């Protein structure tokens, strides 16, 4: 009898263990940026917060630096179920739909206050667009304002003619075309190598990417153009989200809300730090000359017009909401 009871309890114990293991959900989360990047640090904290808030029921493993999927592969991976959650940069998908490029339109929103207004204006359209693709935005965080990095001094757009220009989105490619540069698509994780091999000699990006990639080892000039503040977004598969129980969904959404608030604060606070580090490491940091500013404004005006033409009524509605 004792043996039978022991066997029964052992079986029950095994059953409870199996139940507890099966109740735990594990997600893989690819990102395209280095582990020390402020976006990735924020996401790592987000994953830890989800683990804690869900009492260990949802565990998210962050794969930084394009180690699981390259940056431009992440959206498709989440859509296709190869990963349940991932981080993208909205502007990288503007060729798929120009609405993704809203926050990459040069000189439309050039400060954190303006970027926040634009984010609110574009959110309904982006949410609807992604919902049709089986995706849900958990949170988004901006990069610091975009400036121009160059191996040689730039006094006007004419100095960029024929220069190999790193592009990370359709908009950055279009800027190259408008100033006569040669666009070369390079993801952030590949930037250092591209600079070392001479694949690119100039580009627009934030001080954060410049700092992460130690670009001062190859280029010496940074022009703080503050052209736009592109946003990274954390997307989750709607199917994966729906498979969670309600308390776990609530824990995920709460952690996401906190990550968005924390991420915006961190981005703004670190903007000055990144620019200071560029100067500290020997870069010539300056505002664009009057001529370069005028040239960039022409580029911005052209691209705002092009964006409105391609987005139609939806784009105009976003612009109207933004300008209210």
C-alpha atoms as a PDB file:
ATOM      1  CA  UNK A   1       0.000   0.000   0.000  1.00  0.00           C
ATOM      2  CA  UNK A   2       2.796   2.400   0.939  1.00  0.00           C
ATOM      3  CA  UNK A   3       4.561   1.660  -2.335  1.00  0.00           C
ATOM      4  CA  UNK A   4       1.387   2.329  -4.294  1.00  0.00           C
ATOM      5  CA  UNK A   5       0.813   5.630  -2.475  1.00  0.00           C
ATOM      6  CA  UNK A   6       4.398   6.710  -3.120  1.00  0.00           C
ATOM      7  CA  UNK A   7       4.009   5.848  -6.788  1.00  0.00           C
ATOM      8  CA  UNK A   8       0.728   7.793  -6.939  1.00  0.00           C
ATOM      9  CA  UNK A   9       2.193  10.875  -5.245  1.00  0.00           C
ATOM     10  CA  UNK A  10       5.250  10.681  -7.476  1.00  0.00           C
ATOM     11  CA  UNK A  11       2.998  10.585 -10.543  1.00  0.00           C
ATOM     12  CA  UNK A  12       0.950  13.512  -9.240  1.00  0.00           C
ATOM     13  CA  UNK A  13       4.129  15.443  -8.500  1.00  0.00           C
ATOM     14  CA  UNK A  14       5.371  14.818 -12.019  1.00  0.00           C
ATOM     15  CA  UNK A  15       2.025  15.966 -13.377  1.00  0.00           C
ATOM     16  CA  UNK A  16       2.125  19.204 -11.416  1.00  0.00           C
ATOM     17  CA  UNK A  17       5.707  19.824 -12.567  1.00  0.00           C
ATOM     18  CA  UNK A  18       4.764  19.233 -16.186  1.00  0.00           C
ATOM     19  CA  UNK A  19       1.777  21.564 -15.789  1.00  0.00           C
ATOM     20  CA  UNK A  20       3.908  24.343 -14.344  1.00  0.00           C
ATOM     21  CA  UNK A  21       6.473  23.979 -17.126  1.00  0.00           C
ATOM     22  CA  UNK A  22       3.802  23.986 -19.823  1.00  0.00           C
ATOM     23  CA  UNK A  23       2.268  27.113 -18.280  1.00  0.00           C
ATOM     24  CA  UNK A  24       5.490  29.029 -18.918  1.00  0.00           C
ATOM     25  CA  UNK A  25       5.721  30.751 -22.310  1.00  0.00           C
ATOM     26  CA  UNK A  26       9.085  31.541 -23.893  1.00  0.00           C
ATOM     27  CA  UNK A  27       9.513  34.147 -26.609  1.00  0.00           C
ATOM     28  CA  UNK A  28      12.541  35.038 -28.735  1.00  0.00           C
ATOM     29  CA  UNK A  29      13.065  38.739 -29.391  1.00  0.00           C
ATOM     30  CA  UNK A  30      15.507  39.782 -32.137  1.00  0.00           C
ATOM     31  CA  UNK A  31      16.834  43.353 -32.270  1.00  0.00           C
ATOM     32  CA  UNK A  32      19.206  44.928 -34.781  1.00  0.00           C
ATOM     33  CA  UNK A  33      21.285  46.971 -32.362  1.00  0.00           C
ATOM     34  CA  UNK A  34      24.184  46.357 -29.993  1.00  0.00           C
ATOM     35  CA  UNK A  35      23.559  45.204 -26.435  1.00  0.00           C
ATOM     36  CA  UNK A  36      25.003  48.483 -25.088  1.00  0.00           C
ATOM     37  CA  UNK A  37      22.732  50.664 -27.256  1.00  0.00           C
ATOM     38  CA  UNK A  38      20.143  52.558 -25.217  1.00  0.00           C
ATOM     39  CA  UNK A  39      17.272  50.963 -27.175  1.00  0.00           C
ATOM     40  CA  UNK A  40      18.563  47.476 -26.383  1.00  0.00           C
ATOM     41  CA  UNK A  41      19.191  48.340 -22.738  1.00  0.00           C
ATOM     42  CA  UNK A  42      15.606  49.543 -22.507  1.00  0.00           C
ATOM     43  CA  UNK A  43      14.336  46.361 -24.150  1.00  0.00           C
ATOM     44  CA  UNK A  44      16.416  44.206 -21.801  1.00  0.00           C
ATOM     45  CA  UNK A  45      14.797  45.990 -18.857  1.00  0.00           C
ATOM     46  CA  UNK A  46      11.400  45.512 -20.502  1.00  0.00           C
ATOM     47  CA  UNK A  47      12.001  41.744 -20.751  1.00  0.00           C
ATOM     48  CA  UNK A  48      13.018  41.613 -17.083  1.00  0.00           C
ATOM     49  CA  UNK A  49       9.911  43.597 -16.106  1.00  0.00           C
ATOM     50  CA  UNK A  50       7.666  41.218 -18.066  1.00  0.00           C
ATOM     51  CA  UNK A  51       9.243  38.230 -16.328  1.00  0.00           C
ATOM     52  CA  UNK A  52       8.649  39.802 -12.919  1.00  0.00           C
ATOM     53  CA  UNK A  53       5.143  41.143 -13.602  1.00  0.00           C
ATOM     54  CA  UNK A  54       3.985  37.815 -15.035  1.00  0.00           C
ATOM     55  CA  UNK A  55       5.532  35.872 -12.126  1.00  0.00           C
ATOM     56  CA  UNK A  56       7.747  34.020 -14.601  1.00  0.00           C
ATOM     57  CA  UNK A  57       4.891  32.936 -16.878  1.00  0.00           C
ATOM     58  CA  UNK A  58       6.327  34.852 -19.864  1.00  0.00           C
ATOM     59  CA  UNK A  59      10.056  34.855 -20.480  1.00  0.00           C
ATOM     60  CA  UNK A  60      11.493  36.936 -23.320  1.00  0.00           C
ATOM     61  CA  UNK A  61      15.024  36.215 -24.556  1.00  0.00           C
ATOM     62  CA  UNK A  62      16.584  39.272 -26.226  1.00  0.00           C
ATOM     63  CA  UNK A  63      18.907  38.558 -29.174  1.00  0.00           C
ATOM     64  CA  UNK A  64      20.842  41.802 -29.750  1.00  0.00           C
ATOM     65  CA  UNK A  65      22.988  43.052 -32.611  1.00  0.00           C
ATOM     66  CA  UNK A  66      21.236  41.196 -35.405  1.00  0.00           C
ATOM     67  CA  UNK A  67      22.416  37.886 -33.950  1.00  0.00           C
ATOM     68  CA  UNK A  68      19.135  36.037 -34.569  1.00  0.00           C
ATOM     69  CA  UNK A  69      17.819  37.978 -37.566  1.00  0.00           C
ATOM     70  CA  UNK A  70      19.307  40.985 -39.337  1.00  0.00           C
ATOM     71  CA  UNK A  71      17.490  44.260 -38.695  1.00  0.00           C
ATOM     72  CA  UNK A  72      15.719  44.253 -42.054  1.00  0.00           C
ATOM     73  CA  UNK A  73      14.540  40.634 -41.548  1.00  0.00           C
ATOM     74  CA  UNK A  74      12.891  41.080 -38.145  1.00  0.00           C
ATOM     75  CA  UNK A  75       9.446  42.271 -39.215  1.00  0.00           C
ATOM     76  CA  UNK A  76       9.031  39.344 -41.597  1.00  0.00           C
ATOM     77  CA  UNK A  77      10.264  36.941 -38.906  1.00  0.00           C
ATOM     78  CA  UNK A  78       7.584  38.121 -36.470  1.00  0.00           C
ATOM     79  CA  UNK A  79       4.901  38.070 -39.164  1.00  0.00           C
ATOM     80  CA  UNK A  80       5.905  34.546 -40.162  1.00  0.00           C
ATOM     81  CA  UNK A  81       6.038  33.177 -36.615  1.00  0.00           C
ATOM     82  CA  UNK A  82       9.801  32.609 -36.573  1.00  0.00           C
ATOM     83  CA  UNK A  83       9.932  35.006 -33.617  1.00  0.00           C
ATOM     84  CA  UNK A  84       7.053  36.094 -31.424  1.00  0.00           C
ATOM     85  CA  UNK A  85       8.291  39.637 -30.797  1.00  0.00           C
ATOM     86  CA  UNK A  86      10.924  41.912 -32.300  1.00  0.00           C
ATOM     87  CA  UNK A  87      12.229  45.447 -32.715  1.00  0.00           C
ATOM     88  CA  UNK A  88      12.163  47.340 -36.013  1.00  0.00           C
ATOM     89  CA  UNK A  89      12.781  50.877 -37.204  1.00  0.00           C
ATOM     90  CA  UNK A  90       9.566  52.130 -38.803  1.00  0.00           C
ATOM     91  CA  UNK A  91      11.304  54.034 -41.596  1.00  0.00           C
ATOM     92  CA  UNK A  92      13.010  50.888 -42.859  1.00  0.00           C
ATOM     93  CA  UNK A  93       9.663  49.734 -44.293  1.00  0.00           C
ATOM     94  CA  UNK A  94       8.629  52.897 -46.147  1.00  0.00           C
ATOM     95  CA  UNK A  95       8.934  51.112 -49.501  1.00  0.00           C
ATOM     96  CA  UNK A  96       6.323  48.628 -48.270  1.00  0.00           C
ATOM     97  CA  UNK A  97       3.989  51.446 -47.263  1.00  0.00           C
ATOM     98  CA  UNK A  98       4.915  55.166 -47.093  1.00  0.00           C
ATOM     99  CA  UNK A  99       3.034  55.508 -43.799  1.00  0.00           C
ATOM    100  CA  UNK A 100       5.935  53.654 -42.160  1.00  0.00           C
ATOM    101  CA  UNK A 101       8.174  56.520 -43.239  1.00  0.00           C
ATOM    102  CA  UNK A 102       6.206  59.314 -41.582  1.00  0.00           C
ATOM    103  CA  UNK A 103       8.763  60.000 -38.859  1.00  0.00           C
ATOM    104  CA  UNK A 104      11.634  59.838 -41.391  1.00  0.00           C
ATOM    105  CA  UNK A 105      10.427  62.803 -43.444  1.00  0.00           C
ATOM    106  CA  UNK A 106      13.240  65.377 -43.062  1.00  0.00           C
ATOM    107  CA  UNK A 107      12.452  68.497 -41.049  1.00  0.00           C
ATOM    108  CA  UNK A 108       8.832  67.567 -40.408  1.00  0.00           C
ATOM    109  CA  UNK A 109       9.470  66.944 -36.689  1.00  0.00           C
ATOM    110  CA  UNK A 110      12.864  68.034 -35.397  1.00  0.00           C
ATOM    111  CA  UNK A 111      12.512  68.098 -31.594  1.00  0.00           C
ATOM    112  CA  UNK A 112      11.295  65.661 -28.942  1.00  0.00           C
ATOM    113  CA  UNK A 113       8.121  67.679 -28.410  1.00  0.00           C
ATOM    114  CA  UNK A 114       7.348  67.659 -32.129  1.00  0.00           C
ATOM    115  CA  UNK A 115       8.270  63.976 -32.424  1.00  0.00           C
ATOM    116  CA  UNK A 116       5.826  63.114 -29.643  1.00  0.00           C
ATOM    117  CA  UNK A 117       3.047  65.034 -31.403  1.00  0.00           C
ATOM    118  CA  UNK A 118       3.831  63.296 -34.688  1.00  0.00           C
ATOM    119  CA  UNK A 119       3.893  59.881 -32.981  1.00  0.00           C
ATOM    120  CA  UNK A 120       0.392  60.500 -31.603  1.00  0.00           C
ATOM    121  CA  UNK A 121      -0.854  61.703 -34.996  1.00  0.00           C
ATOM    122  CA  UNK A 122       0.467  58.685 -36.905  1.00  0.00           C
ATOM    123  CA  UNK A 123      -0.416  56.010 -34.313  1.00  0.00           C
ATOM    124  CA  UNK A 124      -3.997  55.228 -35.451  1.00  0.00           C
ATOM    125  CA  UNK A 125      -2.932  54.723 -39.074  1.00  0.00           C
ATOM    126  CA  UNK A 126       0.092  52.611 -38.138  1.00  0.00           C
ATOM    127  CA  UNK A 127      -1.898  50.478 -35.689  1.00  0.00           C
ATOM    128  CA  UNK A 128      -4.515  49.771 -38.368  1.00  0.00           C
ATOM    129  CA  UNK A 129      -1.875  48.993 -40.991  1.00  0.00           C
ATOM    130  CA  UNK A 130       0.006  46.574 -38.743  1.00  0.00           C
ATOM    131  CA  UNK A 131      -3.192  44.926 -37.473  1.00  0.00           C
ATOM    132  CA  UNK A 132      -3.913  43.855 -41.072  1.00  0.00           C
ATOM    133  CA  UNK A 133      -0.502  42.160 -41.052  1.00  0.00           C
ATOM    134  CA  UNK A 134      -1.175  40.301 -37.797  1.00  0.00           C
ATOM    135  CA  UNK A 135       1.087  42.590 -35.783  1.00  0.00           C
ATOM    136  CA  UNK A 136       0.615  44.781 -32.719  1.00  0.00           C
ATOM    137  CA  UNK A 137       2.799  47.680 -31.570  1.00  0.00           C
ATOM    138  CA  UNK A 138       3.720  47.341 -27.906  1.00  0.00           C
ATOM    139  CA  UNK A 139       5.781  50.529 -27.691  1.00  0.00           C
ATOM    140  CA  UNK A 140       7.992  52.858 -29.711  1.00  0.00           C
ATOM    141  CA  UNK A 141      11.010  54.983 -28.787  1.00  0.00           C
ATOM    142  CA  UNK A 142      12.761  57.677 -30.872  1.00  0.00           C
ATOM    143  CA  UNK A 143      16.401  57.967 -31.758  1.00  0.00           C
ATOM    144  CA  UNK A 144      18.129  61.257 -31.009  1.00  0.00           C
ATOM    145  CA  UNK A 145      17.902  63.839 -33.830  1.00  0.00           C
ATOM    146  CA  UNK A 146      19.672  62.869 -37.041  1.00  0.00           C
ATOM    147  CA  UNK A 147      22.860  64.616 -38.131  1.00  0.00           C
ATOM    148  CA  UNK A 148      25.386  64.208 -40.936  1.00  0.00           C
ATOM    149  CA  UNK A 149      28.633  62.302 -40.467  1.00  0.00           C
ATOM    150  CA  UNK A 150      31.348  62.719 -43.084  1.00  0.00           C
ATOM    151  CA  UNK A 151      34.956  61.844 -43.750  1.00  0.00           C
ATOM    152  CA  UNK A 152      35.450  65.296 -45.317  1.00  0.00           C
ATOM    153  CA  UNK A 153      34.105  68.789 -44.518  1.00  0.00           C
ATOM    154  CA  UNK A 154      30.659  69.649 -45.943  1.00  0.00           C
ATOM    155  CA  UNK A 155      29.868  73.293 -46.597  1.00  0.00           C
ATOM    156  CA  UNK A 156      26.926  72.719 -48.930  1.00  0.00           C
ATOM    157  CA  UNK A 157      25.044  69.855 -50.569  1.00  0.00           C
ATOM    158  CA  UNK A 158      27.410  70.153 -53.547  1.00  0.00           C
ATOM    159  CA  UNK A 159      30.159  68.637 -51.374  1.00  0.00           C
ATOM    160  CA  UNK A 160      28.140  65.399 -51.213  1.00  0.00           C
ATOM    161  CA  UNK A 161      27.993  64.892 -54.981  1.00  0.00           C
ATOM    162  CA  UNK A 162      29.286  61.430 -55.867  1.00  0.00           C
ATOM    163  CA  UNK A 163      30.009  60.517 -52.227  1.00  0.00           C
ATOM    164  CA  UNK A 164      29.164  56.973 -51.085  1.00  0.00           C
ATOM    165  CA  UNK A 165      26.293  57.543 -48.658  1.00  0.00           C
ATOM    166  CA  UNK A 166      25.102  54.982 -46.120  1.00  0.00           C
ATOM    167  CA  UNK A 167      21.330  54.484 -46.279  1.00  0.00           C
ATOM    168  CA  UNK A 168      19.235  52.612 -43.714  1.00  0.00           C
ATOM    169  CA  UNK A 169      15.792  53.466 -45.098  1.00  0.00           C
ATOM    170  CA  UNK A 170      14.137  54.550 -48.355  1.00  0.00           C
ATOM    171  CA  UNK A 171      14.155  58.134 -47.087  1.00  0.00           C
ATOM    172  CA  UNK A 172      17.899  58.190 -46.456  1.00  0.00           C
ATOM    173  CA  UNK A 173      18.379  56.736 -49.943  1.00  0.00           C
ATOM    174  CA  UNK A 174      16.175  59.489 -51.381  1.00  0.00           C
ATOM    175  CA  UNK A 175      18.210  62.185 -49.600  1.00  0.00           C
ATOM    176  CA  UNK A 176      21.322  60.780 -51.293  1.00  0.00           C
ATOM    177  CA  UNK A 177      19.616  60.952 -54.685  1.00  0.00           C
ATOM    178  CA  UNK A 178      18.497  64.544 -54.143  1.00  0.00           C
ATOM    179  CA  UNK A 179      22.015  65.748 -53.216  1.00  0.00           C
ATOM    180  CA  UNK A 180      23.755  63.651 -55.859  1.00  0.00           C
ATOM    181  CA  UNK A 181      25.377  61.124 -53.515  1.00  0.00           C
ATOM    182  CA  UNK A 182      25.534  57.346 -54.088  1.00  0.00           C
ATOM    183  CA  UNK A 183      23.244  55.479 -51.628  1.00  0.00           C
ATOM    184  CA  UNK A 184      24.542  52.202 -50.176  1.00  0.00           C
ATOM    185  CA  UNK A 185      22.235  50.205 -47.880  1.00  0.00           C
ATOM    186  CA  UNK A 186      24.078  49.403 -44.638  1.00  0.00           C
ATOM    187  CA  UNK A 187      22.473  48.249 -41.374  1.00  0.00           C
ATOM    188  CA  UNK A 188      23.684  49.706 -38.068  1.00  0.00           C
ATOM    189  CA  UNK A 189      25.417  46.477 -37.039  1.00  0.00           C
ATOM    190  CA  UNK A 190      27.505  46.612 -40.247  1.00  0.00           C
ATOM    191  CA  UNK A 191      28.383  50.323 -40.175  1.00  0.00           C
ATOM    192  CA  UNK A 192      31.859  50.046 -38.606  1.00  0.00           C
ATOM    193  CA  UNK A 193      32.964  47.492 -41.181  1.00  0.00           C
ATOM    194  CA  UNK A 194      31.485  49.522 -44.040  1.00  0.00           C
ATOM    195  CA  UNK A 195      33.427  52.588 -42.928  1.00  0.00           C
ATOM    196  CA  UNK A 196      36.650  50.625 -42.446  1.00  0.00           C
ATOM    197  CA  UNK A 197      36.457  49.180 -45.961  1.00  0.00           C
ATOM    198  CA  UNK A 198      35.493  52.464 -47.594  1.00  0.00           C
ATOM    199  CA  UNK A 199      32.055  51.210 -48.622  1.00  0.00           C
ATOM    200  CA  UNK A 200      30.610  54.508 -47.331  1.00  0.00           C
ATOM    201  CA  UNK A 201      32.106  57.917 -46.519  1.00  0.00           C
ATOM    202  CA  UNK A 202      29.081  59.915 -45.349  1.00  0.00           C
ATOM    203  CA  UNK A 203      25.672  59.255 -43.793  1.00  0.00           C
ATOM    204  CA  UNK A 204      22.846  60.647 -41.718  1.00  0.00           C
ATOM    205  CA  UNK A 205      22.134  59.034 -38.379  1.00  0.00           C
ATOM    206  CA  UNK A 206      21.928  59.880 -34.701  1.00  0.00           C
ATOM    207  CA  UNK A 207      24.780  60.579 -32.347  1.00  0.00           C
ATOM    208  CA  UNK A 208      23.831  57.311 -30.636  1.00  0.00           C
ATOM    209  CA  UNK A 209      24.677  55.198 -33.682  1.00  0.00           C
ATOM    210  CA  UNK A 210      27.824  57.225 -34.221  1.00  0.00           C
ATOM    211  CA  UNK A 211      28.876  56.565 -30.647  1.00  0.00           C
ATOM    212  CA  UNK A 212      27.970  52.863 -30.722  1.00  0.00           C
ATOM    213  CA  UNK A 213      29.925  52.354 -33.956  1.00  0.00           C
ATOM    214  CA  UNK A 214      32.930  54.473 -32.871  1.00  0.00           C
ATOM    215  CA  UNK A 215      32.728  56.276 -36.196  1.00  0.00           C
ATOM    216  CA  UNK A 216      35.478  58.703 -35.136  1.00  0.00           C
ATOM    217  CA  UNK A 217      37.935  55.964 -36.090  1.00  0.00           C
ATOM    218  CA  UNK A 218      37.082  56.589 -39.773  1.00  0.00           C
ATOM    219  CA  UNK A 219      35.191  59.896 -40.104  1.00  0.00           C
ATOM    220  CA  UNK A 220      35.979  63.206 -38.458  1.00  0.00           C
ATOM    221  CA  UNK A 221      33.020  65.529 -39.091  1.00  0.00           C
ATOM    222  CA  UNK A 222      29.554  65.641 -37.522  1.00  0.00           C
ATOM    223  CA  UNK A 223      26.992  68.270 -38.489  1.00  0.00           C
ATOM    224  CA  UNK A 224      24.179  68.471 -35.949  1.00  0.00           C
ATOM    225  CA  UNK A 225      21.372  68.995 -38.477  1.00  0.00           C
ATOM    226  CA  UNK A 226      18.591  67.684 -36.182  1.00  0.00           C
ATOM    227  CA  UNK A 227      16.749  66.597 -39.321  1.00  0.00           C
ATOM    228  CA  UNK A 228      14.243  64.145 -37.800  1.00  0.00           C
ATOM    229  CA  UNK A 229      13.777  61.676 -34.924  1.00  0.00           C
ATOM    230  CA  UNK A 230      13.050  58.200 -36.344  1.00  0.00           C
ATOM    231  CA  UNK A 231      11.390  55.689 -34.051  1.00  0.00           C
ATOM    232  CA  UNK A 232      12.110  52.076 -33.258  1.00  0.00           C
ATOM    233  CA  UNK A 233       9.052  49.981 -32.452  1.00  0.00           C
ATOM    234  CA  UNK A 234       8.622  46.736 -30.569  1.00  0.00           C
ATOM    235  CA  UNK A 235       6.120  44.569 -32.425  1.00  0.00           C
ATOM    236  CA  UNK A 236       4.436  41.399 -31.239  1.00  0.00           C
ATOM    237  CA  UNK A 237       2.627  38.793 -33.266  1.00  0.00           C
ATOM    238  CA  UNK A 238      -1.094  39.218 -32.590  1.00  0.00           C
ATOM    239  CA  UNK A 239      -1.425  35.438 -32.613  1.00  0.00           C
ATOM    240  CA  UNK A 240       1.258  35.070 -29.935  1.00  0.00           C
ATOM    241  CA  UNK A 241      -0.297  37.879 -27.887  1.00  0.00           C
ATOM    242  CA  UNK A 242      -3.774  36.321 -28.101  1.00  0.00           C
ATOM    243  CA  UNK A 243      -2.384  32.986 -26.893  1.00  0.00           C
ATOM    244  CA  UNK A 244      -1.445  34.559 -23.533  1.00  0.00           C
ATOM    245  CA  UNK A 245      -3.902  34.542 -20.662  1.00  0.00           C
ATOM    246  CA  UNK A 246      -5.401  37.894 -19.627  1.00  0.00           C
ATOM    247  CA  UNK A 247      -3.144  38.503 -16.570  1.00  0.00           C
ATOM    248  CA  UNK A 248      -0.037  37.859 -18.703  1.00  0.00           C
ATOM    249  CA  UNK A 249      -1.303  40.154 -21.450  1.00  0.00           C
ATOM    250  CA  UNK A 250      -1.878  42.862 -18.847  1.00  0.00           C
ATOM    251  CA  UNK A 251       1.624  42.342 -17.441  1.00  0.00           C
ATOM    252  CA  UNK A 252       3.102  42.639 -20.949  1.00  0.00           C
ATOM    253  CA  UNK A 253       1.173  45.830 -21.753  1.00  0.00           C
ATOM    254  CA  UNK A 254       2.088  47.421 -18.422  1.00  0.00           C
ATOM    255  CA  UNK A 255       5.787  46.703 -18.937  1.00  0.00           C
ATOM    256  CA  UNK A 256       5.522  48.045 -22.500  1.00  0.00           C
ATOM    257  CA  UNK A 257       3.961  51.312 -21.315  1.00  0.00           C
ATOM    258  CA  UNK A 258       6.746  51.748 -18.779  1.00  0.00           C
ATOM    259  CA  UNK A 259       9.386  50.957 -21.426  1.00  0.00           C
ATOM    260  CA  UNK A 260       7.999  53.610 -23.771  1.00  0.00           C
ATOM    261  CA  UNK A 261       8.076  56.293 -21.070  1.00  0.00           C
ATOM    262  CA  UNK A 262      11.556  55.236 -19.965  1.00  0.00           C
ATOM    263  CA  UNK A 263      12.842  55.021 -23.549  1.00  0.00           C
ATOM    264  CA  UNK A 264      11.713  58.519 -24.550  1.00  0.00           C
ATOM    265  CA  UNK A 265      13.292  59.949 -21.392  1.00  0.00           C
ATOM    266  CA  UNK A 266      16.548  58.080 -21.955  1.00  0.00           C
ATOM    267  CA  UNK A 267      16.749  59.115 -25.613  1.00  0.00           C
ATOM    268  CA  UNK A 268      16.366  62.786 -24.803  1.00  0.00           C
ATOM    269  CA  UNK A 269      18.719  62.712 -21.821  1.00  0.00           C
ATOM    270  CA  UNK A 270      21.463  60.929 -23.761  1.00  0.00           C
ATOM    271  CA  UNK A 271      21.355  63.168 -26.842  1.00  0.00           C
ATOM    272  CA  UNK A 272      23.777  65.694 -25.344  1.00  0.00           C
ATOM    273  CA  UNK A 273      26.012  62.906 -23.999  1.00  0.00           C
ATOM    274  CA  UNK A 274      26.396  61.277 -27.423  1.00  0.00           C
ATOM    275  CA  UNK A 275      27.333  64.545 -29.135  1.00  0.00           C
ATOM    276  CA  UNK A 276      29.815  65.340 -26.355  1.00  0.00           C
ATOM    277  CA  UNK A 277      31.422  61.912 -26.762  1.00  0.00           C
ATOM    278  CA  UNK A 278      31.870  62.468 -30.496  1.00  0.00           C
ATOM    279  CA  UNK A 279      33.771  65.710 -29.752  1.00  0.00           C
ATOM    280  CA  UNK A 280      35.718  64.080 -26.909  1.00  0.00           C
ATOM    281  CA  UNK A 281      36.938  61.418 -29.318  1.00  0.00           C
ATOM    282  CA  UNK A 282      38.309  63.949 -31.777  1.00  0.00           C
ATOM    283  CA  UNK A 283      35.408  64.657 -34.104  1.00  0.00           C
ATOM    284  CA  UNK A 284      34.718  68.147 -35.412  1.00  0.00           C
ATOM    285  CA  UNK A 285      31.165  68.815 -34.175  1.00  0.00           C
ATOM    286  CA  UNK A 286      29.326  71.804 -35.611  1.00  0.00           C
ATOM    287  CA  UNK A 287      25.974  73.103 -36.771  1.00  0.00           C
ATOM    288  CA  UNK A 288      25.413  73.017 -40.551  1.00  0.00           C
ATOM    289  CA  UNK A 289      26.535  76.131 -42.447  1.00  0.00           C
ATOM    290  CA  UNK A 290      23.862  78.523 -43.712  1.00  0.00           C
ATOM    291  CA  UNK A 291      24.317  77.131 -47.228  1.00  0.00           C
ATOM    292  CA  UNK A 292      23.996  73.510 -46.078  1.00  0.00           C
ATOM    293  CA  UNK A 293      20.919  74.392 -43.995  1.00  0.00           C
ATOM    294  CA  UNK A 294      19.284  75.985 -47.018  1.00  0.00           C
ATOM    295  CA  UNK A 295      20.109  72.965 -49.190  1.00  0.00           C
ATOM    296  CA  UNK A 296      18.729  70.564 -46.580  1.00  0.00           C
ATOM    297  CA  UNK A 297      15.530  72.613 -46.291  1.00  0.00           C
ATOM    298  CA  UNK A 298      14.997  72.237 -50.052  1.00  0.00           C
ATOM    299  CA  UNK A 299      15.470  68.476 -49.691  1.00  0.00           C
ATOM    300  CA  UNK A 300      12.980  68.431 -46.808  1.00  0.00           C
ATOM    301  CA  UNK A 301      10.369  70.447 -48.699  1.00  0.00           C
ATOM    302  CA  UNK A 302      10.685  68.127 -51.697  1.00  0.00           C
ATOM    303  CA  UNK A 303      10.348  65.006 -49.582  1.00  0.00           C
ATOM    304  CA  UNK A 304       7.353  66.279 -47.585  1.00  0.00           C
ATOM    305  CA  UNK A 305       5.626  66.910 -50.907  1.00  0.00           C
ATOM    306  CA  UNK A 306       6.532  63.443 -52.178  1.00  0.00           C
ATOM    307  CA  UNK A 307       5.357  61.823 -48.960  1.00  0.00           C
ATOM    308  CA  UNK A 308       1.980  63.576 -49.145  1.00  0.00           C
ATOM    309  CA  UNK A 309       1.594  62.526 -52.767  1.00  0.00           C
ATOM    310  CA  UNK A 310       2.208  58.848 -51.952  1.00  0.00           C
ATOM    311  CA  UNK A 311       0.189  58.712 -48.726  1.00  0.00           C
ATOM    312  CA  UNK A 312      -2.795  60.653 -50.069  1.00  0.00           C
ATOM    313  CA  UNK A 313      -5.712  61.322 -47.745  1.00  0.00           C
ATOM    314  CA  UNK A 314      -4.197  59.253 -44.901  1.00  0.00           C
ATOM    315  CA  UNK A 315      -1.003  61.282 -44.992  1.00  0.00           C
ATOM    316  CA  UNK A 316      -2.887  64.563 -45.104  1.00  0.00           C
ATOM    317  CA  UNK A 317      -4.973  63.476 -42.106  1.00  0.00           C
ATOM    318  CA  UNK A 318      -1.787  62.696 -40.155  1.00  0.00           C
ATOM    319  CA  UNK A 319      -0.267  66.027 -41.108  1.00  0.00           C
ATOM    320  CA  UNK A 320      -3.433  67.910 -40.149  1.00  0.00           C
ATOM    321  CA  UNK A 321      -3.589  66.132 -36.774  1.00  0.00           C
ATOM    322  CA  UNK A 322       0.086  66.855 -36.188  1.00  0.00           C
ATOM    323  CA  UNK A 323      -0.260  70.559 -36.959  1.00  0.00           C
ATOM    324  CA  UNK A 324      -3.299  71.106 -34.705  1.00  0.00           C
END
